[in-house]
Amino acid sequence: MSVTLNKAAVTFAQSLIREGKLKNDEGHWGQHNPGSKEENAYLEKHEIDEYARWHLGEDKSQNEDNKGRYKFPYGDFKAVHRDGLIAAKERAAQQGYHDIEHAADQLLTALEKKAAQ
């Protein structure tokens, strides 16, 4: 499996942060990460490329219309979550995806700066 950085997701997350659509939560990402039910409900109303924007990684060995193609979620389809970015950064570091780790770290810095304003 070769997961690459989803640059469209980074750009989208940056715009959400600028707009203040963020959650500076301190909990565990598992408490906020959308489950399969929420993902499927989102996909009933949105295209797969909109779903993809909520994931920092993309496994290009998977079909584009397969939600399993998209890795490292960072939000709940409404806002960028601090704990989602932390989880993405940590998992990317553990798995050796340094470009995703770096992007998550930059987004985390931007979120924290915006939240402090």
Protein backbone atom coordinates (compact mmCIF):
# COMPACT_ATOMS: atom_id res chain seq x y z
CA MET A 1 0.00 0.00 0.00
CA SER A 2 1.40 3.33 -1.04
CA VAL A 3 -0.40 6.25 0.54
CA THR A 4 0.33 9.72 -0.78
CA LEU A 5 -0.51 13.18 0.49
CA ASN A 6 -3.92 14.40 -0.64
CA LYS A 7 -3.03 18.00 -1.47
CA ALA A 8 -6.68 18.93 -2.12
CA ALA A 9 -7.48 17.87 1.46
CA VAL A 10 -4.69 20.08 2.82
CA THR A 11 -5.99 23.08 0.87
CA PHE A 12 -9.54 22.37 2.01
CA ALA A 13 -8.48 22.02 5.67
CA GLN A 14 -6.56 25.30 5.46
CA SER A 15 -9.67 27.08 4.18
CA LEU A 16 -11.82 25.57 6.93
CA ILE A 17 -9.33 26.73 9.56
CA ARG A 18 -9.23 30.25 8.09
CA GLU A 19 -13.05 30.31 8.21
CA GLY A 20 -12.98 29.25 11.87
CA LYS A 21 -14.57 25.86 11.20
CA LEU A 22 -12.52 24.05 13.80
CA LYS A 23 -12.78 22.17 17.06
CA ASN A 24 -9.92 22.73 19.47
CA ASP A 25 -10.87 19.60 21.38
CA GLU A 26 -8.67 17.87 23.89
CA GLY A 27 -10.38 14.49 23.82
CA HIS A 28 -9.53 11.32 22.00
CA TRP A 29 -10.09 11.28 18.22
CA GLY A 30 -12.13 8.10 18.62
CA GLN A 31 -14.81 10.21 20.33
CA HIS A 32 -15.17 12.50 17.29
CA ASN A 33 -14.07 10.43 14.30
CA PRO A 34 -17.09 9.68 12.10
CA GLY A 35 -17.92 5.99 11.97
CA SER A 36 -19.10 4.00 8.95
CA LYS A 37 -22.71 5.06 9.52
CA GLU A 38 -21.79 8.77 9.43
CA GLU A 39 -19.48 8.24 6.45
CA ASN A 40 -22.19 6.46 4.48
CA ALA A 41 -24.76 9.14 5.35
CA TYR A 42 -22.31 11.80 4.13
CA LEU A 43 -21.72 9.90 0.89
CA GLU A 44 -25.48 9.66 0.26
CA LYS A 45 -25.56 13.46 -0.02
CA HIS A 46 -22.07 14.23 -1.36
CA GLU A 47 -19.74 13.10 -4.11
CA ILE A 48 -16.69 10.94 -3.35
CA ASP A 49 -14.33 13.84 -4.12
CA GLU A 50 -15.99 15.83 -1.32
CA TYR A 51 -15.50 12.85 1.01
CA ALA A 52 -11.85 12.64 -0.08
CA ARG A 53 -11.19 16.25 1.01
CA TRP A 54 -11.66 15.15 4.63
CA HIS A 55 -8.67 12.76 4.42
CA LEU A 56 -4.99 13.72 4.28
CA GLY A 57 -3.91 10.48 2.63
CA GLU A 58 -4.87 8.66 -0.53
CA ASP A 59 -4.11 5.05 -1.42
CA LYS A 60 -4.00 5.15 -5.20
CA SER A 61 -4.01 1.36 -5.43
CA GLN A 62 -7.71 1.53 -4.46
CA ASN A 63 -10.47 2.62 -6.85
CA GLU A 64 -11.39 6.31 -6.72
CA ASP A 65 -14.99 5.52 -5.80
CA ASN A 66 -13.96 3.31 -2.86
CA LYS A 67 -14.01 5.11 0.48
CA GLY A 68 -11.19 2.80 1.60
CA ARG A 69 -8.92 4.74 -0.76
CA TYR A 70 -8.92 7.70 1.63
CA LYS A 71 -6.84 7.60 4.81
CA PHE A 72 -5.98 9.86 7.75
CA PRO A 73 -9.29 11.63 8.43
CA TYR A 74 -9.03 14.94 10.31
CA GLY A 75 -12.59 16.18 10.69
CA ASP A 76 -16.23 15.30 11.18
CA PHE A 77 -17.53 16.60 7.81
CA LYS A 78 -18.27 19.95 9.47
CA ALA A 79 -15.03 21.12 11.08
CA VAL A 80 -11.34 20.36 11.44
CA HIS A 81 -10.64 18.67 14.78
CA ARG A 82 -7.44 19.23 16.74
CA ASP A 83 -7.47 15.65 17.97
CA GLY A 84 -8.03 14.43 14.39
CA LEU A 85 -4.91 16.23 13.22
CA ILE A 86 -2.92 14.87 16.16
CA ALA A 87 -4.09 11.33 15.38
CA ALA A 88 -3.27 11.74 11.67
CA LYS A 89 0.16 13.14 12.49
CA GLU A 90 0.98 10.31 14.92
CA ARG A 91 -0.28 7.53 12.64
CA ALA A 92 1.53 8.98 9.62
CA ALA A 93 4.78 9.16 11.62
CA GLN A 94 4.37 5.56 12.80
CA GLN A 95 3.74 4.36 9.24
CA GLY A 96 6.52 6.42 7.64
CA TYR A 97 4.34 8.84 5.66
CA HIS A 98 6.42 11.90 6.42
CA ASP A 99 4.69 14.21 3.94
CA ILE A 100 1.33 13.49 5.61
CA GLU A 101 2.90 13.86 9.06
CA HIS A 102 4.36 17.24 8.06
CA ALA A 103 1.06 18.46 6.55
CA ALA A 104 -0.88 17.42 9.68
CA ASP A 105 1.67 19.23 11.84
CA GLN A 106 1.36 22.44 9.79
CA LEU A 107 -2.44 22.26 9.93
CA LEU A 108 -2.30 21.66 13.68
CA THR A 109 -0.15 24.78 14.13
CA ALA A 110 -2.58 26.83 12.01
CA LEU A 111 -5.57 25.50 13.97
CA GLU A 112 -4.00 26.28 17.33
CA LYS A 113 -3.04 29.79 16.17
CA LYS A 114 -6.59 30.44 14.92
CA ALA A 115 -8.15 29.02 18.10
CA ALA A 116 -5.99 31.36 20.21
CA GLN A 117 -7.30 34.46 18.43
